[in-house]
Amino acid sequence: MDEENLNNVPEDGEEFDDDRVVLTDEDGVENEFKFLDVVEVDGKEYVILLPVEKLEDGEVVVFRIEGEGDDETFVGVDSAEEASKVFEIFKERAKDEYNFED
């Protein structure tokens, strides 16, 4: 799983009603995220999520989407190069919505 930073995120509970995603990790622990975007890179789709408990940090998480429909799963991205490529595309698409740290 790779994390990147952004600023100007909503305060806890603000603008989250329709964008919440709850994922269960391999230990059975539920983690809550704000859905930010889906980005396609080199024929693969990636989801950009913001962990709710790290709102003040502005760290986002990049997952690769595998499968389709009800069989869709999010897989952690181990390659920093792959995650950076995805995050750069997300930054360009969301530049008017968020203030990104360099």
PDB file of N, CA and C in Angstrom:
ATOM      1  N   MET A   1       0.849  -1.157   0.000  1.00  0.00           N
ATOM      2  CA  MET A   1       0.000   0.000   0.000  1.00  0.00           C
ATOM      3  C   MET A   1       0.900   1.228   0.000  1.00  0.00           C
ATOM      4  N   ASP A   2       0.569   2.191  -0.857  1.00  0.00           N
ATOM      5  CA  ASP A   2       1.394   3.384  -0.925  1.00  0.00           C
ATOM      6  C   ASP A   2       0.576   4.582  -0.503  1.00  0.00           C
ATOM      7  N   GLU A   3       1.207   5.518   0.175  1.00  0.00           N
ATOM      8  CA  GLU A   3       0.515   6.702   0.649  1.00  0.00           C
ATOM      9  C   GLU A   3       1.164   7.936   0.057  1.00  0.00           C
ATOM     10  N   GLU A   4       0.349   8.899  -0.307  1.00  0.00           N
ATOM     11  CA  GLU A   4       0.799  10.188  -0.805  1.00  0.00           C
ATOM     12  C   GLU A   4       0.093  11.245   0.021  1.00  0.00           C
ATOM     13  N   ASN A   5       0.502  12.505  -0.084  1.00  0.00           N
ATOM     14  CA  ASN A   5      -0.067  13.562   0.743  1.00  0.00           C
ATOM     15  C   ASN A   5      -0.834  14.586  -0.075  1.00  0.00           C
ATOM     16  N   LEU A   6      -1.891  15.130   0.525  1.00  0.00           N
ATOM     17  CA  LEU A   6      -2.580  16.266  -0.027  1.00  0.00           C
ATOM     18  C   LEU A   6      -3.082  17.122   1.111  1.00  0.00           C
ATOM     19  N   ASN A   7      -3.276  18.392   0.833  1.00  0.00           N
ATOM     20  CA  ASN A   7      -3.789  19.330   1.827  1.00  0.00           C
ATOM     21  C   ASN A   7      -5.217  19.692   1.468  1.00  0.00           C
ATOM     22  N   ASN A   8      -5.836  20.493   2.320  1.00  0.00           N
ATOM     23  CA  ASN A   8      -7.164  21.015   2.063  1.00  0.00           C
ATOM     24  C   ASN A   8      -8.212  19.907   2.027  1.00  0.00           C
ATOM     25  N   VAL A   9      -8.082  18.925   2.896  1.00  0.00           N
ATOM     26  CA  VAL A   9      -9.069  17.860   2.974  1.00  0.00           C
ATOM     27  C   VAL A   9     -10.200  18.300   3.890  1.00  0.00           C
ATOM     28  N   PRO A  10     -11.398  17.730   3.735  1.00  0.00           N
ATOM     29  CA  PRO A  10     -12.516  18.116   4.595  1.00  0.00           C
ATOM     30  C   PRO A  10     -12.252  17.762   6.050  1.00  0.00           C
ATOM     31  N   GLU A  11     -12.847  18.526   6.943  1.00  0.00           N
ATOM     32  CA  GLU A  11     -12.787  18.199   8.362  1.00  0.00           C
ATOM     33  C   GLU A  11     -13.549  16.901   8.593  1.00  0.00           C
ATOM     34  N   ASP A  12     -13.250  16.205   9.689  1.00  0.00           N
ATOM     35  CA  ASP A  12     -13.910  14.940   9.994  1.00  0.00           C
ATOM     36  C   ASP A  12     -15.419  15.108   9.968  1.00  0.00           C
ATOM     37  N   GLY A  13     -16.093  14.264   9.207  1.00  0.00           N
ATOM     38  CA  GLY A  13     -17.549  14.294   9.122  1.00  0.00           C
ATOM     39  C   GLY A  13     -18.080  15.245   8.072  1.00  0.00           C
ATOM     40  N   GLU A  14     -17.242  16.076   7.494  1.00  0.00           N
ATOM     41  CA  GLU A  14     -17.670  17.070   6.524  1.00  0.00           C
ATOM     42  C   GLU A  14     -17.563  16.494   5.115  1.00  0.00           C
ATOM     43  N   GLU A  15     -18.615  16.589   4.334  1.00  0.00           N
ATOM     44  CA  GLU A  15     -18.652  16.139   2.941  1.00  0.00           C
ATOM     45  C   GLU A  15     -18.388  14.647   2.782  1.00  0.00           C
ATOM     46  N   PHE A  16     -18.723  13.833   3.746  1.00  0.00           N
ATOM     47  CA  PHE A  16     -18.423  12.408   3.667  1.00  0.00           C
ATOM     48  C   PHE A  16     -19.645  11.522   3.485  1.00  0.00           C
ATOM     49  N   ASP A  17     -20.830  12.052   3.500  1.00  0.00           N
ATOM     50  CA  ASP A  17     -22.029  11.226   3.527  1.00  0.00           C
ATOM     51  C   ASP A  17     -22.087  10.207   2.397  1.00  0.00           C
ATOM     52  N   ASP A  18     -21.794  10.599   1.154  1.00  0.00           N
ATOM     53  CA  ASP A  18     -21.927   9.696   0.020  1.00  0.00           C
ATOM     54  C   ASP A  18     -20.612   9.076  -0.418  1.00  0.00           C
ATOM     55  N   ASP A  19     -19.517   9.464   0.193  1.00  0.00           N
ATOM     56  CA  ASP A  19     -18.209   9.052  -0.287  1.00  0.00           C
ATOM     57  C   ASP A  19     -17.486   8.073   0.625  1.00  0.00           C
ATOM     58  N   ARG A  20     -18.129   7.554   1.626  1.00  0.00           N
ATOM     59  CA  ARG A  20     -17.460   6.655   2.571  1.00  0.00           C
ATOM     60  C   ARG A  20     -17.348   5.241   2.013  1.00  0.00           C
ATOM     61  N   VAL A  21     -16.173   4.659   2.250  1.00  0.00           N
ATOM     62  CA  VAL A  21     -15.899   3.280   1.866  1.00  0.00           C
ATOM     63  C   VAL A  21     -15.328   2.603   3.103  1.00  0.00           C
ATOM     64  N   VAL A  22     -15.857   1.432   3.445  1.00  0.00           N
ATOM     65  CA  VAL A  22     -15.328   0.667   4.573  1.00  0.00           C
ATOM     66  C   VAL A  22     -14.712  -0.608   4.010  1.00  0.00           C
ATOM     67  N   LEU A  23     -13.419  -0.793   4.292  1.00  0.00           N
ATOM     68  CA  LEU A  23     -12.695  -1.978   3.844  1.00  0.00           C
ATOM     69  C   LEU A  23     -12.247  -2.779   5.055  1.00  0.00           C
ATOM     70  N   THR A  24     -12.280  -4.091   4.918  1.00  0.00           N
ATOM     71  CA  THR A  24     -11.823  -4.980   5.981  1.00  0.00           C
ATOM     72  C   THR A  24     -10.463  -5.522   5.583  1.00  0.00           C
ATOM     73  N   ASP A  25      -9.473  -5.339   6.464  1.00  0.00           N
ATOM     74  CA  ASP A  25      -8.120  -5.805   6.136  1.00  0.00           C
ATOM     75  C   ASP A  25      -7.977  -7.294   6.424  1.00  0.00           C
ATOM     76  N   GLU A  26      -6.777  -7.825   6.187  1.00  0.00           N
ATOM     77  CA  GLU A  26      -6.537  -9.270   6.346  1.00  0.00           C
ATOM     78  C   GLU A  26      -6.684  -9.750   7.778  1.00  0.00           C
ATOM     79  N   ASP A  27      -6.659  -8.817   8.752  1.00  0.00           N
ATOM     80  CA  ASP A  27      -6.842  -9.178  10.160  1.00  0.00           C
ATOM     81  C   ASP A  27      -8.291  -9.039  10.618  1.00  0.00           C
ATOM     82  N   GLY A  28      -9.195  -8.698   9.675  1.00  0.00           N
ATOM     83  CA  GLY A  28     -10.603  -8.547  10.012  1.00  0.00           C
ATOM     84  C   GLY A  28     -10.957  -7.187  10.591  1.00  0.00           C
ATOM     85  N   VAL A  29     -10.027  -6.237  10.548  1.00  0.00           N
ATOM     86  CA  VAL A  29     -10.252  -4.902  11.090  1.00  0.00           C
ATOM     87  C   VAL A  29     -10.865  -4.022   9.997  1.00  0.00           C
ATOM     88  N   GLU A  30     -11.974  -3.347  10.335  1.00  0.00           N
ATOM     89  CA  GLU A  30     -12.612  -2.448   9.387  1.00  0.00           C
ATOM     90  C   GLU A  30     -11.925  -1.087   9.421  1.00  0.00           C
ATOM     91  N   ASN A  31     -11.681  -0.553   8.235  1.00  0.00           N
ATOM     92  CA  ASN A  31     -11.061   0.759   8.083  1.00  0.00           C
ATOM     93  C   ASN A  31     -11.951   1.611   7.203  1.00  0.00           C
ATOM     94  N   GLU A  32     -12.171   2.846   7.608  1.00  0.00           N
ATOM     95  CA  GLU A  32     -13.052   3.736   6.884  1.00  0.00           C
ATOM     96  C   GLU A  32     -12.243   4.727   6.054  1.00  0.00           C
ATOM     97  N   PHE A  33     -12.682   4.948   4.808  1.00  0.00           N
ATOM     98  CA  PHE A  33     -11.998   5.831   3.877  1.00  0.00           C
ATOM     99  C   PHE A  33     -13.002   6.760   3.212  1.00  0.00           C
ATOM    100  N   LYS A  34     -12.484   7.870   2.707  1.00  0.00           N
ATOM    101  CA  LYS A  34     -13.245   8.747   1.829  1.00  0.00           C
ATOM    102  C   LYS A  34     -12.801   8.401   0.420  1.00  0.00           C
ATOM    103  N   PHE A  35     -13.760   8.087  -0.444  1.00  0.00           N
ATOM    104  CA  PHE A  35     -13.466   7.810  -1.847  1.00  0.00           C
ATOM    105  C   PHE A  35     -13.120   9.124  -2.541  1.00  0.00           C
ATOM    106  N   LEU A  36     -11.979   9.157  -3.247  1.00  0.00           N
ATOM    107  CA  LEU A  36     -11.578  10.361  -3.964  1.00  0.00           C
ATOM    108  C   LEU A  36     -11.713  10.231  -5.474  1.00  0.00           C
ATOM    109  N   ASP A  37     -11.252   9.100  -6.045  1.00  0.00           N
ATOM    110  CA  ASP A  37     -11.278   8.989  -7.507  1.00  0.00           C
ATOM    111  C   ASP A  37     -10.897   7.578  -7.929  1.00  0.00           C
ATOM    112  N   VAL A  38     -11.199   7.271  -9.193  1.00  0.00           N
ATOM    113  CA  VAL A  38     -10.704   6.066  -9.859  1.00  0.00           C
ATOM    114  C   VAL A  38      -9.871   6.555 -11.037  1.00  0.00           C
ATOM    115  N   VAL A  39      -8.663   6.031 -11.157  1.00  0.00           N
ATOM    116  CA  VAL A  39      -7.729   6.447 -12.193  1.00  0.00           C
ATOM    117  C   VAL A  39      -7.327   5.227 -13.003  1.00  0.00           C
ATOM    118  N   GLU A  40      -7.285   5.363 -14.343  1.00  0.00           N
ATOM    119  CA  GLU A  40      -6.823   4.281 -15.192  1.00  0.00           C
ATOM    120  C   GLU A  40      -5.416   4.593 -15.682  1.00  0.00           C
ATOM    121  N   VAL A  41      -4.523   3.616 -15.521  1.00  0.00           N
ATOM    122  CA  VAL A  41      -3.135   3.755 -15.953  1.00  0.00           C
ATOM    123  C   VAL A  41      -2.709   2.440 -16.600  1.00  0.00           C
ATOM    124  N   ASP A  42      -2.221   2.519 -17.819  1.00  0.00           N
ATOM    125  CA  ASP A  42      -1.709   1.340 -18.529  1.00  0.00           C
ATOM    126  C   ASP A  42      -2.717   0.193 -18.537  1.00  0.00           C
ATOM    127  N   GLY A  43      -3.986   0.522 -18.737  1.00  0.00           N
ATOM    128  CA  GLY A  43      -5.029  -0.495 -18.830  1.00  0.00           C
ATOM    129  C   GLY A  43      -5.495  -1.067 -17.507  1.00  0.00           C
ATOM    130  N   LYS A  44      -4.987  -0.550 -16.396  1.00  0.00           N
ATOM    131  CA  LYS A  44      -5.400  -1.001 -15.069  1.00  0.00           C
ATOM    132  C   LYS A  44      -6.109   0.138 -14.356  1.00  0.00           C
ATOM    133  N   GLU A  45      -7.084  -0.206 -13.515  1.00  0.00           N
ATOM    134  CA  GLU A  45      -7.791   0.802 -12.740  1.00  0.00           C
ATOM    135  C   GLU A  45      -7.289   0.813 -11.303  1.00  0.00           C
ATOM    136  N   TYR A  46      -7.218   2.025 -10.750  1.00  0.00           N
ATOM    137  CA  TYR A  46      -6.767   2.230  -9.379  1.00  0.00           C
ATOM    138  C   TYR A  46      -7.766   3.120  -8.666  1.00  0.00           C
ATOM    139  N   VAL A  47      -7.942   2.886  -7.382  1.00  0.00           N
ATOM    140  CA  VAL A  47      -8.804   3.732  -6.576  1.00  0.00           C
ATOM    141  C   VAL A  47      -7.919   4.533  -5.621  1.00  0.00           C
ATOM    142  N   ILE A  48      -8.267   5.803  -5.454  1.00  0.00           N
ATOM    143  CA  ILE A  48      -7.564   6.687  -4.534  1.00  0.00           C
ATOM    144  C   ILE A  48      -8.486   6.909  -3.344  1.00  0.00           C
ATOM    145  N   LEU A  49      -8.031   6.549  -2.152  1.00  0.00           N
ATOM    146  CA  LEU A  49      -8.832   6.660  -0.931  1.00  0.00           C
ATOM    147  C   LEU A  49      -8.069   7.462   0.120  1.00  0.00           C
ATOM    148  N   LEU A  50      -8.817   8.168   0.945  1.00  0.00           N
ATOM    149  CA  LEU A  50      -8.254   8.943   2.045  1.00  0.00           C
ATOM    150  C   LEU A  50      -8.705   8.309   3.351  1.00  0.00           C
ATOM    151  N   PRO A  51      -7.769   7.745   4.145  1.00  0.00           N
ATOM    152  CA  PRO A  51      -8.156   7.140   5.423  1.00  0.00           C
ATOM    153  C   PRO A  51      -8.780   8.185   6.349  1.00  0.00           C
ATOM    154  N   VAL A  52      -9.972   7.912   6.872  1.00  0.00           N
ATOM    155  CA  VAL A  52     -10.689   8.857   7.720  1.00  0.00           C
ATOM    156  C   VAL A  52      -9.883   9.175   8.970  1.00  0.00           C
ATOM    157  N   GLU A  53      -9.187   8.194   9.527  1.00  0.00           N
ATOM    158  CA  GLU A  53      -8.438   8.464  10.758  1.00  0.00           C
ATOM    159  C   GLU A  53      -7.151   9.255  10.510  1.00  0.00           C
ATOM    160  N   LYS A  54      -6.801   9.507   9.249  1.00  0.00           N
ATOM    161  CA  LYS A  54      -5.614  10.297   8.935  1.00  0.00           C
ATOM    162  C   LYS A  54      -5.974  11.577   8.187  1.00  0.00           C
ATOM    163  N   LEU A  55      -7.163  12.096   8.403  1.00  0.00           N
ATOM    164  CA  LEU A  55      -7.601  13.285   7.683  1.00  0.00           C
ATOM    165  C   LEU A  55      -6.629  14.443   7.831  1.00  0.00           C
ATOM    166  N   GLU A  56      -6.172  14.657   9.045  1.00  0.00           N
ATOM    167  CA  GLU A  56      -5.288  15.792   9.289  1.00  0.00           C
ATOM    168  C   GLU A  56      -3.951  15.638   8.580  1.00  0.00           C
ATOM    169  N   ASP A  57      -3.526  14.402   8.309  1.00  0.00           N
ATOM    170  CA  ASP A  57      -2.271  14.154   7.612  1.00  0.00           C
ATOM    171  C   ASP A  57      -2.412  14.337   6.102  1.00  0.00           C
ATOM    172  N   GLY A  58      -3.617  14.110   5.594  1.00  0.00           N
ATOM    173  CA  GLY A  58      -3.846  14.234   4.164  1.00  0.00           C
ATOM    174  C   GLY A  58      -3.196  13.130   3.350  1.00  0.00           C
ATOM    175  N   GLU A  59      -2.880  11.994   3.968  1.00  0.00           N
ATOM    176  CA  GLU A  59      -2.260  10.887   3.251  1.00  0.00           C
ATOM    177  C   GLU A  59      -3.325  10.057   2.555  1.00  0.00           C
ATOM    178  N   VAL A  60      -3.139   9.853   1.259  1.00  0.00           N
ATOM    179  CA  VAL A  60      -4.065   9.019   0.519  1.00  0.00           C
ATOM    180  C   VAL A  60      -3.441   7.651   0.287  1.00  0.00           C
ATOM    181  N   VAL A  61      -4.292   6.686  -0.020  1.00  0.00           N
ATOM    182  CA  VAL A  61      -3.853   5.318  -0.267  1.00  0.00           C
ATOM    183  C   VAL A  61      -4.269   4.945  -1.683  1.00  0.00           C
ATOM    184  N   VAL A  62      -3.381   4.279  -2.399  1.00  0.00           N
ATOM    185  CA  VAL A  62      -3.637   3.841  -3.771  1.00  0.00           C
ATOM    186  C   VAL A  62      -3.797   2.328  -3.777  1.00  0.00           C
ATOM    187  N   PHE A  63      -4.943   1.858  -4.294  1.00  0.00           N
ATOM    188  CA  PHE A  63      -5.186   0.425  -4.459  1.00  0.00           C
ATOM    189  C   PHE A  63      -5.440   0.134  -5.932  1.00  0.00           C
ATOM    190  N   ARG A  64      -4.958  -0.992  -6.418  1.00  0.00           N
ATOM    191  CA  ARG A  64      -5.286  -1.465  -7.757  1.00  0.00           C
ATOM    192  C   ARG A  64      -6.607  -2.221  -7.665  1.00  0.00           C
ATOM    193  N   ILE A  65      -7.497  -1.993  -8.618  1.00  0.00           N
ATOM    194  CA  ILE A  65      -8.788  -2.675  -8.641  1.00  0.00           C
ATOM    195  C   ILE A  65      -8.642  -3.930  -9.490  1.00  0.00           C
ATOM    196  N   GLU A  66      -8.987  -5.065  -8.914  1.00  0.00           N
ATOM    197  CA  GLU A  66      -8.945  -6.331  -9.643  1.00  0.00           C
ATOM    198  C   GLU A  66     -10.316  -6.977  -9.597  1.00  0.00           C
ATOM    199  N   GLY A  67     -10.665  -7.694 -10.663  1.00  0.00           N
ATOM    200  CA  GLY A  67     -11.972  -8.328 -10.758  1.00  0.00           C
ATOM    201  C   GLY A  67     -13.014  -7.338 -11.264  1.00  0.00           C
ATOM    202  N   GLU A  68     -14.271  -7.800 -11.277  1.00  0.00           N
ATOM    203  CA  GLU A  68     -15.365  -6.964 -11.769  1.00  0.00           C
ATOM    204  C   GLU A  68     -16.605  -7.179 -10.927  1.00  0.00           C
ATOM    205  N   GLY A  69     -17.446  -6.169 -10.883  1.00  0.00           N
ATOM    206  CA  GLY A  69     -18.729  -6.275 -10.197  1.00  0.00           C
ATOM    207  C   GLY A  69     -18.592  -6.708  -8.755  1.00  0.00           C
ATOM    208  N   ASP A  70     -19.370  -7.744  -8.378  1.00  0.00           N
ATOM    209  CA  ASP A  70     -19.347  -8.242  -7.004  1.00  0.00           C
ATOM    210  C   ASP A  70     -18.027  -8.922  -6.641  1.00  0.00           C
ATOM    211  N   ASP A  71     -17.225  -9.277  -7.641  1.00  0.00           N
ATOM    212  CA  ASP A  71     -15.935  -9.931  -7.397  1.00  0.00           C
ATOM    213  C   ASP A  71     -14.780  -8.932  -7.364  1.00  0.00           C
ATOM    214  N   GLU A  72     -15.084  -7.642  -7.374  1.00  0.00           N
ATOM    215  CA  GLU A  72     -14.055  -6.605  -7.380  1.00  0.00           C
ATOM    216  C   GLU A  72     -13.349  -6.537  -6.035  1.00  0.00           C
ATOM    217  N   THR A  73     -12.025  -6.483  -6.066  1.00  0.00           N
ATOM    218  CA  THR A  73     -11.239  -6.347  -4.843  1.00  0.00           C
ATOM    219  C   THR A  73     -10.204  -5.244  -5.030  1.00  0.00           C
ATOM    220  N   PHE A  74      -9.767  -4.655  -3.925  1.00  0.00           N
ATOM    221  CA  PHE A  74      -8.722  -3.644  -3.930  1.00  0.00           C
ATOM    222  C   PHE A  74      -7.447  -4.306  -3.440  1.00  0.00           C
ATOM    223  N   VAL A  75      -6.386  -4.172  -4.224  1.00  0.00           N
ATOM    224  CA  VAL A  75      -5.105  -4.789  -3.905  1.00  0.00           C
ATOM    225  C   VAL A  75      -4.084  -3.681  -3.660  1.00  0.00           C
ATOM    226  N   GLY A  76      -3.342  -3.788  -2.576  1.00  0.00           N
ATOM    227  CA  GLY A  76      -2.315  -2.802  -2.267  1.00  0.00           C
ATOM    228  C   GLY A  76      -1.267  -2.737  -3.363  1.00  0.00           C
ATOM    229  N   VAL A  77      -0.783  -1.535  -3.637  1.00  0.00           N
ATOM    230  CA  VAL A  77       0.239  -1.324  -4.658  1.00  0.00           C
ATOM    231  C   VAL A  77       1.599  -1.331  -3.963  1.00  0.00           C
ATOM    232  N   ASP A  78       2.434  -2.316  -4.292  1.00  0.00           N
ATOM    233  CA  ASP A  78       3.737  -2.454  -3.653  1.00  0.00           C
ATOM    234  C   ASP A  78       4.820  -1.604  -4.306  1.00  0.00           C
ATOM    235  N   SER A  79       4.638  -1.289  -5.576  1.00  0.00           N
ATOM    236  CA  SER A  79       5.637  -0.539  -6.320  1.00  0.00           C
ATOM    237  C   SER A  79       5.451   0.965  -6.121  1.00  0.00           C
ATOM    238  N   ALA A  80       6.478   1.616  -5.575  1.00  0.00           N
ATOM    239  CA  ALA A  80       6.416   3.067  -5.389  1.00  0.00           C
ATOM    240  C   ALA A  80       6.296   3.776  -6.731  1.00  0.00           C
ATOM    241  N   GLU A  81       6.944   3.252  -7.750  1.00  0.00           N
ATOM    242  CA  GLU A  81       6.881   3.853  -9.086  1.00  0.00           C
ATOM    243  C   GLU A  81       5.454   3.790  -9.642  1.00  0.00           C
ATOM    244  N   GLU A  82       4.813   2.640  -9.490  1.00  0.00           N
ATOM    245  CA  GLU A  82       3.435   2.462  -9.963  1.00  0.00           C
ATOM    246  C   GLU A  82       2.485   3.406  -9.220  1.00  0.00           C
ATOM    247  N   ALA A  83       2.608   3.468  -7.889  1.00  0.00           N
ATOM    248  CA  ALA A  83       1.739   4.334  -7.084  1.00  0.00           C
ATOM    249  C   ALA A  83       1.971   5.803  -7.416  1.00  0.00           C
ATOM    250  N   SER A  84       3.211   6.196  -7.620  1.00  0.00           N
ATOM    251  CA  SER A  84       3.521   7.588  -7.961  1.00  0.00           C
ATOM    252  C   SER A  84       2.922   7.979  -9.307  1.00  0.00           C
ATOM    253  N   LYS A  85       2.982   7.084 -10.253  1.00  0.00           N
ATOM    254  CA  LYS A  85       2.411   7.334 -11.577  1.00  0.00           C
ATOM    255  C   LYS A  85       0.899   7.570 -11.468  1.00  0.00           C
ATOM    256  N   VAL A  86       0.242   6.730 -10.697  1.00  0.00           N
ATOM    257  CA  VAL A  86      -1.203   6.873 -10.476  1.00  0.00           C
ATOM    258  C   VAL A  86      -1.500   8.178  -9.750  1.00  0.00           C
ATOM    259  N   PHE A  87      -0.726   8.469  -8.717  1.00  0.00           N
ATOM    260  CA  PHE A  87      -0.973   9.668  -7.922  1.00  0.00           C
ATOM    261  C   PHE A  87      -0.750  10.936  -8.745  1.00  0.00           C
ATOM    262  N   GLU A  88       0.226  10.950  -9.632  1.00  0.00           N
ATOM    263  CA  GLU A  88       0.462  12.117 -10.486  1.00  0.00           C
ATOM    264  C   GLU A  88      -0.734  12.399 -11.389  1.00  0.00           C
ATOM    265  N   ILE A  89      -1.333  11.351 -11.910  1.00  0.00           N
ATOM    266  CA  ILE A  89      -2.537  11.531 -12.746  1.00  0.00           C
ATOM    267  C   ILE A  89      -3.680  12.052 -11.893  1.00  0.00           C
ATOM    268  N   PHE A  90      -3.844  11.490 -10.704  1.00  0.00           N
ATOM    269  CA  PHE A  90      -4.884  11.974  -9.790  1.00  0.00           C
ATOM    270  C   PHE A  90      -4.664  13.444  -9.452  1.00  0.00           C
ATOM    271  N   LYS A  91      -3.419  13.830  -9.147  1.00  0.00           N
ATOM    272  CA  LYS A  91      -3.110  15.223  -8.807  1.00  0.00           C
ATOM    273  C   LYS A  91      -3.505  16.165  -9.936  1.00  0.00           C
ATOM    274  N   GLU A  92      -3.207  15.787 -11.164  1.00  0.00           N
ATOM    275  CA  GLU A  92      -3.548  16.637 -12.303  1.00  0.00           C
ATOM    276  C   GLU A  92      -5.066  16.784 -12.433  1.00  0.00           C
ATOM    277  N   ARG A  93      -5.780  15.681 -12.262  1.00  0.00           N
ATOM    278  CA  ARG A  93      -7.245  15.708 -12.389  1.00  0.00           C
ATOM    279  C   ARG A  93      -7.908  16.476 -11.256  1.00  0.00           C
ATOM    280  N   ALA A  94      -7.307  16.447 -10.062  1.00  0.00           N
ATOM    281  CA  ALA A  94      -7.933  17.037  -8.874  1.00  0.00           C
ATOM    282  C   ALA A  94      -7.268  18.344  -8.437  1.00  0.00           C
ATOM    283  N   LYS A  95      -6.449  18.933  -9.288  1.00  0.00           N
ATOM    284  CA  LYS A  95      -5.681  20.116  -8.890  1.00  0.00           C
ATOM    285  C   LYS A  95      -6.552  21.300  -8.491  1.00  0.00           C
ATOM    286  N   ASP A  96      -7.757  21.401  -9.022  1.00  0.00           N
ATOM    287  CA  ASP A  96      -8.652  22.502  -8.666  1.00  0.00           C
ATOM    288  C   ASP A  96      -9.434  22.231  -7.383  1.00  0.00           C
ATOM    289  N   GLU A  97      -9.419  20.989  -6.937  1.00  0.00           N
ATOM    290  CA  GLU A  97     -10.195  20.601  -5.760  1.00  0.00           C
ATOM    291  C   GLU A  97      -9.350  20.538  -4.482  1.00  0.00           C
ATOM    292  N   TYR A  98      -8.077  20.186  -4.615  1.00  0.00           N
ATOM    293  CA  TYR A  98      -7.198  20.030  -3.452  1.00  0.00           C
ATOM    294  C   TYR A  98      -5.910  20.812  -3.643  1.00  0.00           C
ATOM    295  N   ASN A  99      -5.278  21.172  -2.546  1.00  0.00           N
ATOM    296  CA  ASN A  99      -3.944  21.770  -2.568  1.00  0.00           C
ATOM    297  C   ASN A  99      -2.955  20.668  -2.231  1.00  0.00           C
ATOM    298  N   PHE A 100      -2.098  20.313  -3.153  1.00  0.00           N
ATOM    299  CA  PHE A 100      -1.171  19.222  -2.959  1.00  0.00           C
ATOM    300  C   PHE A 100       0.178  19.726  -2.486  1.00  0.00           C
ATOM    301  N   GLU A 101       0.812  18.954  -1.572  1.00  0.00           N
ATOM    302  CA  GLU A 101       2.173  19.241  -1.134  1.00  0.00           C
ATOM    303  C   GLU A 101       3.120  18.733  -2.196  1.00  0.00           C
ATOM    304  N   ASP A 102       4.211  19.422  -2.387  1.00  0.00           N
ATOM    305  CA  ASP A 102       5.242  18.939  -3.330  1.00  0.00           C
ATOM    306  C   ASP A 102       6.310  18.186  -2.605  1.00  0.00           C
TER     307      ASP A 102
END
